[in-house]
Amino acid sequence: MPGHRTKGFCASAAALALCAVLAGCGGSGDTAAGGKVVLRYTWWGNPDRAARTEQAVALFEKQHPGVRVQTSFSGYDAYKQKLAIQATGGDAPDVMQLDYRQIDQYASGDVLLDLGKVKSSLRTSEIDAGLLATGRVDGTLYAVPQGRGTETLVYDVATWKASGVPLPKQGWTWSEWADAMRALAKKTGKPGATDPGQSEDAFEVWLRGQGKSLYTKDGSLGFTASDLTRWWTFADRLRREGTVSRAEQTTQLDGTVENTPLGRGTASSDFNWDAPASGYLAIVKGGVALAPMPSGTDGTPGQYYKPSMFLGVAADTSHPKESAELVDFLLNDHRAAKILGATRGIPVNETIREQTASQLKDFDKTVADYQASLEGTLKDPPQAPPSGDNALQTTFARDYDQVSYERMSPREAAENYITEAKAELRS
């Protein structure tokens, strides 16, 4: 699952040229000296996720002595930029971690392998059918969900408790959240939260709480300029009050927890996804806890369970069987599951989820308990967004920057966004 900002999928001649220079635009997959198959596997995440992934990969290599896995990871923004360059140049890694918003785009762009071609090497029978369907495009399975996650308010426990402000509660509204942030800012002398105005993810939760959605079933916008104006007016007012982070702090967001105001110690909370919130443990001295996202004024929840991320295989990999075996191992091996814990969300394999539930500890247990507290209260997830949304997340943040730097009014920025969004979705 993403952080705060994403970059669009580059499809220009310039991107192709850059890829040719950087990567030679060769096909994915290779064979090492000694006859070993070499797979490239890439993902985004924090150091905790990386350490556990490396352990799991080492176990895979031990079980598959004829395969060597080259791994790489980075923060979310850098990862998406690099993967876009690789994908446009035909040099996608053999196995890649994908966001919900990339599936349609990468599948329709012939970047991803039809996993039906490797079904003998990749078991999906123990994954909920509805969850598995989120990796399908036009009936074809191109990616498999690796975990289940949901959004959360991550907060500095020590700071919040010391302030005397009542702790977050389930079912609180956006108005109650704003009042709590005001009280925190007054007590602590620093913003209560990262400015949510720049986050399309936070906007979606707010919008769903109003009974609306980001997109309609046919892939058109599900909201109006007036809706977006209300959201940006709400966020802008909080920023002007000093209740949420200043513009210069918000524009430093790059998808890593380290560069959030909470991570830098200049705010007391942040909207993020539950599993990646583990990255705050090493940098927030007061410890962190997870709270539900605010609801609509009538209590309608806006957050939902979604695939935290997916695994896909490059369409042009030289080693489809071995790539599928690596995906299968990461999803279905109980020893791998024990190592990975909840770093990518709660496991999607139902048997493994039941087996590992009692074994979870520390922040993995925090994530599992948080999700369990929401069972039965959330509405169904939306369908995967149209491919244009990947670029529109960047547009969304960029247009809100114009508001936060007071170069545009919320209404002007909203109308500008709607115009660009409609054009993007038509292209």
Protein backbone atom coordinates (compact mmCIF):
# COMPACT_ATOMS: atom_id res chain seq x y z
CA MET A 1 0.00 0.00 0.00
CA PRO A 2 1.08 3.52 -0.87
CA GLY A 3 2.32 6.36 1.20
CA HIS A 4 1.20 9.90 0.47
CA ARG A 5 2.32 10.59 -3.06
CA THR A 6 2.68 8.58 -6.23
CA LYS A 7 4.07 9.19 -9.68
CA GLY A 8 2.29 8.38 -12.89
CA PHE A 9 3.17 5.62 -15.36
CA CYS A 10 5.57 7.12 -17.91
CA ALA A 11 4.72 6.25 -21.49
CA SER A 12 6.57 8.96 -23.36
CA ALA A 13 9.40 8.63 -25.82
CA ALA A 14 11.60 10.40 -23.29
CA ALA A 15 10.91 7.68 -20.74
CA LEU A 16 11.67 5.01 -23.30
CA ALA A 17 14.93 6.67 -24.16
CA LEU A 18 15.87 6.99 -20.52
CA CYS A 19 15.10 3.33 -19.97
CA ALA A 20 17.31 2.37 -22.89
CA VAL A 21 20.20 4.28 -21.34
CA LEU A 22 19.68 3.00 -17.79
CA ALA A 23 18.73 -0.60 -18.36
CA GLY A 24 19.41 -1.50 -21.95
CA CYS A 25 15.71 -2.40 -22.22
CA GLY A 26 16.55 -6.08 -22.17
CA GLY A 27 14.05 -8.80 -21.28
CA SER A 28 13.57 -9.82 -17.68
CA GLY A 29 15.32 -12.86 -16.27
CA ASP A 30 18.86 -14.19 -16.62
CA THR A 31 21.03 -17.21 -15.93
CA ALA A 32 24.05 -17.00 -13.65
CA ALA A 33 27.35 -18.79 -13.94
CA GLY A 34 26.88 -22.38 -12.86
CA GLY A 35 23.50 -22.63 -14.54
CA LYS A 36 21.41 -21.01 -11.81
CA VAL A 37 18.29 -19.15 -12.83
CA VAL A 38 18.46 -15.51 -11.71
CA LEU A 39 15.24 -13.71 -10.84
CA ARG A 40 14.86 -10.03 -10.14
CA TYR A 41 12.34 -9.28 -7.38
CA THR A 42 11.54 -5.70 -6.37
CA TRP A 43 9.26 -4.07 -3.84
CA TRP A 44 8.69 -0.86 -1.91
CA GLY A 45 8.69 -0.58 1.85
CA ASN A 46 10.56 0.30 5.01
CA PRO A 47 13.70 -1.36 6.49
CA ASP A 48 11.62 -3.71 8.65
CA ARG A 49 9.80 -5.08 5.60
CA ALA A 50 13.08 -5.34 3.71
CA ALA A 51 14.83 -7.32 6.45
CA ARG A 52 12.00 -9.82 6.70
CA THR A 53 11.70 -10.13 2.93
CA GLU A 54 15.40 -10.92 2.63
CA GLN A 55 15.01 -13.66 5.22
CA ALA A 56 12.08 -15.16 3.33
CA VAL A 57 13.95 -15.00 0.02
CA ALA A 58 16.94 -16.75 1.58
CA LEU A 59 14.64 -19.58 2.64
CA PHE A 60 13.20 -19.78 -0.89
CA GLU A 61 16.71 -20.05 -2.35
CA LYS A 62 17.53 -22.81 0.11
CA GLN A 63 14.47 -24.74 -1.02
CA HIS A 64 15.20 -23.98 -4.69
CA PRO A 65 18.99 -24.40 -5.05
CA GLY A 66 18.82 -23.84 -8.79
CA VAL A 67 17.47 -20.29 -8.36
CA ARG A 68 19.14 -17.09 -7.19
CA VAL A 69 17.00 -14.04 -6.41
CA GLN A 70 18.33 -10.51 -6.83
CA THR A 71 16.33 -8.20 -4.59
CA SER A 72 15.88 -4.44 -4.41
CA PHE A 73 13.55 -2.08 -2.59
CA SER A 74 13.02 1.62 -2.04
CA GLY A 75 10.49 4.11 -0.76
CA TYR A 76 7.14 4.15 -2.53
CA ASP A 77 7.65 7.19 -4.74
CA ALA A 78 11.12 6.18 -5.93
CA TYR A 79 9.94 2.62 -6.50
CA LYS A 80 7.03 3.66 -8.70
CA GLN A 81 9.19 5.99 -10.75
CA LYS A 82 11.80 3.33 -11.37
CA LEU A 83 9.25 0.61 -12.14
CA ALA A 84 7.48 2.90 -14.62
CA ILE A 85 10.75 3.46 -16.47
CA GLN A 86 11.53 -0.26 -16.49
CA ALA A 87 8.02 -1.17 -17.62
CA THR A 88 7.90 1.26 -20.51
CA GLY A 89 11.23 -0.07 -21.75
CA GLY A 90 10.44 -3.79 -21.54
CA ASP A 91 12.81 -4.30 -18.62
CA ALA A 92 10.35 -5.00 -15.79
CA PRO A 93 11.66 -7.22 -12.99
CA ASP A 94 10.61 -10.88 -13.06
CA VAL A 95 8.55 -10.50 -9.88
CA MET A 96 7.27 -7.11 -8.81
CA GLN A 97 5.21 -5.67 -6.00
CA LEU A 98 2.26 -3.68 -7.30
CA ASP A 99 -0.28 -1.24 -5.94
CA TYR A 100 -4.03 -1.59 -6.46
CA ARG A 101 -3.92 1.41 -8.78
CA GLN A 102 -1.31 -0.13 -11.08
CA ILE A 103 -3.10 -3.35 -12.00
CA ASP A 104 -5.32 -2.06 -14.81
CA GLN A 105 -2.60 0.11 -16.28
CA TYR A 106 0.17 -2.47 -16.26
CA ALA A 107 -2.08 -5.28 -17.44
CA SER A 108 -3.47 -3.27 -20.34
CA GLY A 109 0.07 -2.15 -21.15
CA ASP A 110 1.23 -5.76 -21.61
CA VAL A 111 3.65 -5.47 -18.69
CA LEU A 112 2.13 -8.32 -16.66
CA LEU A 113 1.97 -12.04 -17.38
CA ASP A 114 -1.39 -13.80 -17.58
CA LEU A 115 -1.04 -15.94 -14.44
CA GLY A 116 -3.33 -18.56 -15.92
CA LYS A 117 -0.27 -19.61 -17.94
CA VAL A 118 1.56 -20.63 -14.75
CA LYS A 119 -1.36 -21.93 -12.67
CA SER A 120 0.41 -25.25 -12.05
CA SER A 121 3.14 -23.33 -10.17
CA LEU A 122 0.93 -20.82 -8.37
CA ARG A 123 -1.83 -21.91 -5.96
CA THR A 124 -4.69 -19.49 -5.37
CA SER A 125 -7.38 -21.83 -4.01
CA GLU A 126 -7.01 -20.61 -0.43
CA ILE A 127 -7.46 -16.93 -1.24
CA ASP A 128 -10.92 -15.42 -0.85
CA ALA A 129 -12.50 -15.29 -4.31
CA GLY A 130 -13.59 -11.68 -3.91
CA LEU A 131 -10.12 -10.59 -2.85
CA LEU A 132 -8.48 -12.59 -5.64
CA ALA A 133 -10.78 -10.96 -8.20
CA THR A 134 -9.20 -7.57 -7.50
CA GLY A 135 -6.17 -8.76 -9.48
CA ARG A 136 -8.22 -9.52 -12.59
CA VAL A 137 -8.62 -7.30 -15.62
CA ASP A 138 -11.29 -8.29 -18.15
CA GLY A 139 -11.52 -11.70 -16.51
CA THR A 140 -7.79 -12.48 -16.66
CA LEU A 141 -5.70 -12.82 -13.49
CA TYR A 142 -2.62 -10.62 -13.76
CA ALA A 143 -1.70 -10.13 -10.10
CA VAL A 144 -2.32 -11.83 -6.77
CA PRO A 145 -3.02 -9.87 -3.58
CA GLN A 146 -0.33 -10.40 -0.98
CA GLY A 147 -2.04 -8.93 2.06
CA ARG A 148 -5.14 -7.18 3.34
CA GLY A 149 -4.85 -3.71 4.78
CA THR A 150 -6.82 -0.61 5.64
CA GLU A 151 -6.13 3.03 6.37
CA THR A 152 -5.51 4.33 9.85
CA LEU A 153 -4.65 7.36 11.92
CA VAL A 154 -1.17 6.62 13.30
CA TYR A 155 -0.46 8.68 16.39
CA ASP A 156 2.33 9.38 18.86
CA VAL A 157 1.03 7.66 21.99
CA ALA A 158 3.19 9.47 24.54
CA THR A 159 2.48 12.92 23.09
CA TRP A 160 -1.25 12.32 22.80
CA LYS A 161 -1.60 10.91 26.32
CA ALA A 162 0.50 13.69 27.85
CA SER A 163 -1.69 16.30 26.17
CA GLY A 164 -4.79 15.15 28.04
CA VAL A 165 -6.83 15.17 24.81
CA PRO A 166 -9.23 12.19 24.72
CA LEU A 167 -7.85 9.33 22.63
CA PRO A 168 -9.43 8.51 19.24
CA LYS A 169 -12.54 6.35 19.25
CA GLN A 170 -14.29 4.19 16.72
CA GLY A 171 -17.06 5.96 14.86
CA TRP A 172 -15.71 9.47 15.34
CA THR A 173 -16.55 11.94 12.59
CA TRP A 174 -14.29 14.23 10.56
CA SER A 175 -15.55 17.14 12.63
CA GLU A 176 -14.55 15.35 15.84
CA TRP A 177 -11.16 14.49 14.33
CA ALA A 178 -10.61 18.17 13.48
CA ASP A 179 -11.54 19.23 17.02
CA ALA A 180 -9.09 16.69 18.43
CA MET A 181 -6.32 17.99 16.14
CA ARG A 182 -7.04 21.56 17.27
CA ALA A 183 -6.81 20.52 20.90
CA LEU A 184 -3.56 18.63 20.27
CA ALA A 185 -2.03 21.61 18.47
CA LYS A 186 -2.98 23.92 21.33
CA LYS A 187 -1.56 21.57 23.99
CA THR A 188 1.64 20.55 22.21
CA GLY A 189 2.53 23.68 20.27
CA LYS A 190 2.86 21.77 17.00
CA PRO A 191 0.36 20.60 14.34
CA GLY A 192 -1.87 17.74 15.38
CA ALA A 193 -1.52 15.93 12.05
CA THR A 194 -0.11 15.93 8.54
CA ASP A 195 -2.30 18.07 6.28
CA PRO A 196 -4.68 15.50 4.68
CA GLY A 197 -5.61 17.83 1.82
CA GLN A 198 -2.85 16.48 -0.41
CA SER A 199 -3.87 12.82 -0.03
CA GLU A 200 -6.24 11.29 -2.55
CA ASP A 201 -6.49 8.28 -0.20
CA ALA A 202 -7.79 10.44 2.67
CA PHE A 203 -10.13 12.25 0.29
CA GLU A 204 -11.57 8.91 -0.83
CA VAL A 205 -12.35 7.95 2.77
CA TRP A 206 -14.02 11.34 3.34
CA LEU A 207 -15.93 11.01 0.06
CA ARG A 208 -17.19 7.50 0.81
CA GLY A 209 -18.39 8.79 4.17
CA GLN A 210 -20.62 11.16 2.16
CA GLY A 211 -22.05 8.21 0.21
CA LYS A 212 -19.97 9.00 -2.91
CA SER A 213 -16.93 7.42 -4.58
CA LEU A 214 -13.81 8.37 -6.48
CA TYR A 215 -14.99 6.61 -9.63
CA THR A 216 -18.16 5.21 -11.10
CA LYS A 217 -18.37 1.65 -12.41
CA ASP A 218 -17.58 2.85 -15.92
CA GLY A 219 -14.38 4.57 -14.75
CA SER A 220 -15.66 8.15 -14.73
CA LEU A 221 -15.24 10.56 -11.82
CA GLY A 222 -17.70 9.85 -9.03
CA PHE A 223 -17.54 13.34 -7.50
CA THR A 224 -17.87 16.96 -8.54
CA ALA A 225 -15.80 20.12 -8.25
CA SER A 226 -18.09 21.15 -5.38
CA ASP A 227 -17.23 17.97 -3.47
CA LEU A 228 -13.52 18.55 -3.90
CA THR A 229 -13.89 22.22 -3.01
CA ARG A 230 -15.51 21.23 0.29
CA TRP A 231 -12.63 18.85 1.08
CA TRP A 232 -9.89 21.31 0.21
CA THR A 233 -11.66 24.14 2.04
CA PHE A 234 -11.85 21.93 5.12
CA ALA A 235 -8.13 21.06 4.96
CA ASP A 236 -7.04 24.60 4.04
CA ARG A 237 -8.83 26.06 7.05
CA LEU A 238 -7.07 23.62 9.36
CA ARG A 239 -3.71 24.49 7.79
CA ARG A 240 -4.30 28.22 8.18
CA GLU A 241 -5.13 27.62 11.86
CA GLY A 242 -1.89 25.70 12.40
CA THR A 243 -3.94 22.60 13.23
CA VAL A 244 -2.24 20.53 10.48
CA SER A 245 1.21 20.74 8.91
CA ARG A 246 2.46 23.76 6.97
CA ALA A 247 2.82 23.69 3.19
CA GLU A 248 6.61 23.42 3.27
CA GLN A 249 6.34 20.34 5.49
CA THR A 250 3.63 18.70 3.41
CA THR A 251 5.51 19.11 0.15
CA GLN A 252 8.42 17.09 1.59
CA LEU A 253 6.27 13.95 1.54
CA ASP A 254 7.84 11.28 -0.65
CA GLY A 255 6.09 8.07 0.41
CA THR A 256 8.47 7.29 3.27
CA VAL A 257 7.48 7.57 6.93
CA GLU A 258 10.76 9.33 7.69
CA ASN A 259 9.73 12.42 5.73
CA THR A 260 6.26 12.79 7.19
CA PRO A 261 5.70 15.46 9.85
CA LEU A 262 5.03 12.65 12.36
CA GLY A 263 8.30 10.98 11.40
CA ARG A 264 10.17 14.27 11.72
CA GLY A 265 8.60 15.03 15.09
CA THR A 266 6.77 18.10 13.84
CA ALA A 267 3.23 16.64 14.14
CA SER A 268 1.49 14.22 16.47
CA SER A 269 -0.30 11.97 13.95
CA ASP A 270 -0.54 10.95 10.33
CA PHE A 271 -2.98 9.20 8.00
CA ASN A 272 -1.32 6.13 6.53
CA TRP A 273 -1.92 2.43 5.88
CA ASP A 274 -1.80 0.01 8.79
CA ALA A 275 1.09 -2.31 7.85
CA PRO A 276 3.54 0.40 6.64
CA ALA A 277 2.94 2.23 9.92
CA SER A 278 5.45 -0.19 11.46
CA GLY A 279 8.13 2.13 10.07
CA TYR A 280 7.25 4.74 12.68
CA LEU A 281 8.33 2.48 15.54
CA ALA A 282 12.00 3.19 15.01
CA ILE A 283 11.62 6.98 14.79
CA VAL A 284 8.75 7.98 17.11
CA LYS A 285 10.19 7.72 20.61
CA GLY A 286 6.82 7.81 22.32
CA GLY A 287 5.56 4.76 20.47
CA VAL A 288 2.66 4.68 18.03
CA ALA A 289 -0.88 3.30 18.00
CA LEU A 290 -3.52 2.88 15.30
CA ALA A 291 -6.96 4.49 15.32
CA PRO A 292 -9.89 4.18 12.89
CA MET A 293 -10.37 6.71 10.12
CA PRO A 294 -13.06 9.34 10.73
CA SER A 295 -16.58 8.62 9.44
CA GLY A 296 -19.23 10.74 7.75
CA THR A 297 -21.50 12.97 9.81
CA ASP A 298 -24.13 10.22 10.01
CA GLY A 299 -21.57 7.58 10.99
CA THR A 300 -21.12 6.15 7.49
CA PRO A 301 -17.62 4.61 7.35
CA GLY A 302 -15.42 5.60 4.46
CA GLN A 303 -12.48 3.27 4.98
CA TYR A 304 -12.47 -0.28 3.67
CA TYR A 305 -10.36 -3.41 3.52
CA LYS A 306 -8.35 -3.52 0.34
CA PRO A 307 -5.49 -5.60 -1.00
CA SER A 308 -2.51 -3.95 0.62
CA MET A 309 -0.41 -4.80 -2.43
CA PHE A 310 -0.07 -7.40 -5.15
CA LEU A 311 2.58 -9.60 -6.70
CA GLY A 312 2.85 -9.78 -10.46
CA VAL A 313 5.17 -11.47 -12.94
CA ALA A 314 6.69 -9.71 -15.94
CA ALA A 315 5.07 -10.67 -19.24
CA ASP A 316 8.49 -11.01 -20.89
CA THR A 317 10.27 -12.92 -18.12
CA SER A 318 12.58 -15.65 -19.33
CA HIS A 319 11.60 -17.75 -16.30
CA PRO A 320 7.82 -17.74 -15.82
CA LYS A 321 7.76 -21.04 -13.91
CA GLU A 322 10.39 -20.01 -11.36
CA SER A 323 8.86 -16.55 -11.01
CA ALA A 324 5.48 -18.11 -10.26
CA GLU A 325 7.12 -20.42 -7.73
CA LEU A 326 8.57 -17.43 -5.90
CA VAL A 327 5.13 -15.77 -5.81
CA ASP A 328 3.58 -19.03 -4.60
CA PHE A 329 6.20 -19.34 -1.86
CA LEU A 330 5.65 -15.81 -0.58
CA LEU A 331 1.89 -16.35 -0.47
CA ASN A 332 1.48 -19.95 0.57
CA ASP A 333 4.50 -21.20 2.52
CA HIS A 334 3.80 -21.20 6.27
CA ARG A 335 7.46 -20.61 7.14
CA ALA A 336 7.61 -17.59 4.84
CA ALA A 337 4.40 -16.32 6.42
CA LYS A 338 5.92 -16.59 9.88
CA ILE A 339 8.92 -14.53 8.76
CA LEU A 340 6.92 -11.89 6.88
CA GLY A 341 4.27 -11.46 9.56
CA ALA A 342 1.97 -8.53 8.81
CA THR A 343 4.55 -6.32 7.12
CA ARG A 344 2.42 -6.37 3.95
CA GLY A 345 -0.89 -6.65 5.71
CA ILE A 346 -2.73 -9.65 7.10
CA PRO A 347 -1.98 -12.79 4.98
CA VAL A 348 -4.48 -13.56 2.21
CA ASN A 349 -4.05 -17.33 2.39
CA GLU A 350 -6.92 -18.27 4.71
CA THR A 351 -5.23 -21.31 6.23
CA ILE A 352 -2.02 -19.41 6.90
CA ARG A 353 -3.97 -16.50 8.37
CA GLU A 354 -5.59 -18.86 10.87
CA GLN A 355 -2.31 -20.63 11.63
CA THR A 356 -0.34 -17.43 12.22
CA ALA A 357 -2.95 -15.43 14.14
CA SER A 358 -1.85 -16.74 17.54
CA GLN A 359 1.84 -16.37 16.63
CA LEU A 360 1.72 -12.67 15.82
CA LYS A 361 3.49 -10.35 18.21
CA ASP A 362 4.63 -6.78 18.55
CA PHE A 363 3.41 -4.53 15.71
CA ASP A 364 2.12 -7.46 13.64
CA LYS A 365 -0.32 -8.15 16.45
CA THR A 366 -1.17 -4.45 16.60
CA VAL A 367 -2.17 -4.54 12.92
CA ALA A 368 -4.14 -7.77 13.33
CA ASP A 369 -5.97 -6.43 16.40
CA TYR A 370 -6.72 -3.16 14.62
CA GLN A 371 -8.25 -4.97 11.65
CA ALA A 372 -10.19 -7.29 13.95
CA SER A 373 -11.69 -4.27 15.73
CA LEU A 374 -13.17 -3.15 12.40
CA GLU A 375 -14.67 -6.48 11.33
CA GLY A 376 -18.28 -6.12 10.29
CA THR A 377 -18.24 -2.31 10.34
CA LEU A 378 -16.77 -1.46 6.94
CA LYS A 379 -18.43 -1.34 3.54
CA ASP A 380 -17.28 -3.33 0.50
CA PRO A 381 -14.20 -2.01 -1.32
CA PRO A 382 -14.59 -0.24 -4.65
CA GLN A 383 -13.52 -1.84 -7.88
CA ALA A 384 -9.92 -1.24 -8.91
CA PRO A 385 -9.58 2.32 -10.20
CA PRO A 386 -9.05 3.09 -13.90
CA SER A 387 -5.49 3.33 -15.10
CA GLY A 388 -5.56 7.12 -15.26
CA ASP A 389 -5.85 7.30 -11.47
CA ASN A 390 -2.19 6.43 -11.12
CA ALA A 391 -1.23 9.75 -12.70
CA LEU A 392 -4.10 11.61 -11.06
CA GLN A 393 -2.76 10.97 -7.57
CA THR A 394 0.19 13.16 -8.50
CA THR A 395 -2.10 15.76 -10.05
CA PHE A 396 -4.23 15.75 -6.91
CA ALA A 397 -1.28 16.49 -4.63
CA ARG A 398 0.14 19.06 -7.05
CA ASP A 399 -3.13 20.98 -7.28
CA TYR A 400 -3.53 21.02 -3.52
CA ASP A 401 -0.01 22.45 -3.27
CA GLN A 402 -1.42 25.49 -5.08
CA VAL A 403 -4.00 25.80 -2.30
CA SER A 404 -1.58 25.27 0.57
CA TYR A 405 0.82 27.88 -0.84
CA GLU A 406 -2.18 30.18 -1.33
CA ARG A 407 -1.69 30.52 -5.07
CA MET A 408 -5.21 29.24 -5.80
CA SER A 409 -8.45 29.12 -3.89
CA PRO A 410 -9.89 25.67 -3.10
CA ARG A 411 -12.57 26.27 -5.75
CA GLU A 412 -10.06 27.25 -8.46
CA ALA A 413 -7.83 24.27 -7.71
CA ALA A 414 -10.80 21.89 -7.63
CA GLU A 415 -12.08 23.07 -10.99
CA ASN A 416 -8.58 22.76 -12.43
CA TYR A 417 -8.28 19.22 -11.11
CA ILE A 418 -11.67 18.14 -12.49
CA THR A 419 -10.73 19.45 -15.94
CA GLU A 420 -7.41 17.61 -15.94
CA ALA A 421 -8.92 14.44 -14.47
CA LYS A 422 -11.58 14.19 -17.13
CA ALA A 423 -8.95 14.65 -19.84
CA GLU A 424 -6.69 12.01 -18.25
CA LEU A 425 -9.51 9.48 -17.97
CA ARG A 426 -10.48 10.00 -21.61
CA SER A 427 -6.93 9.46 -22.88
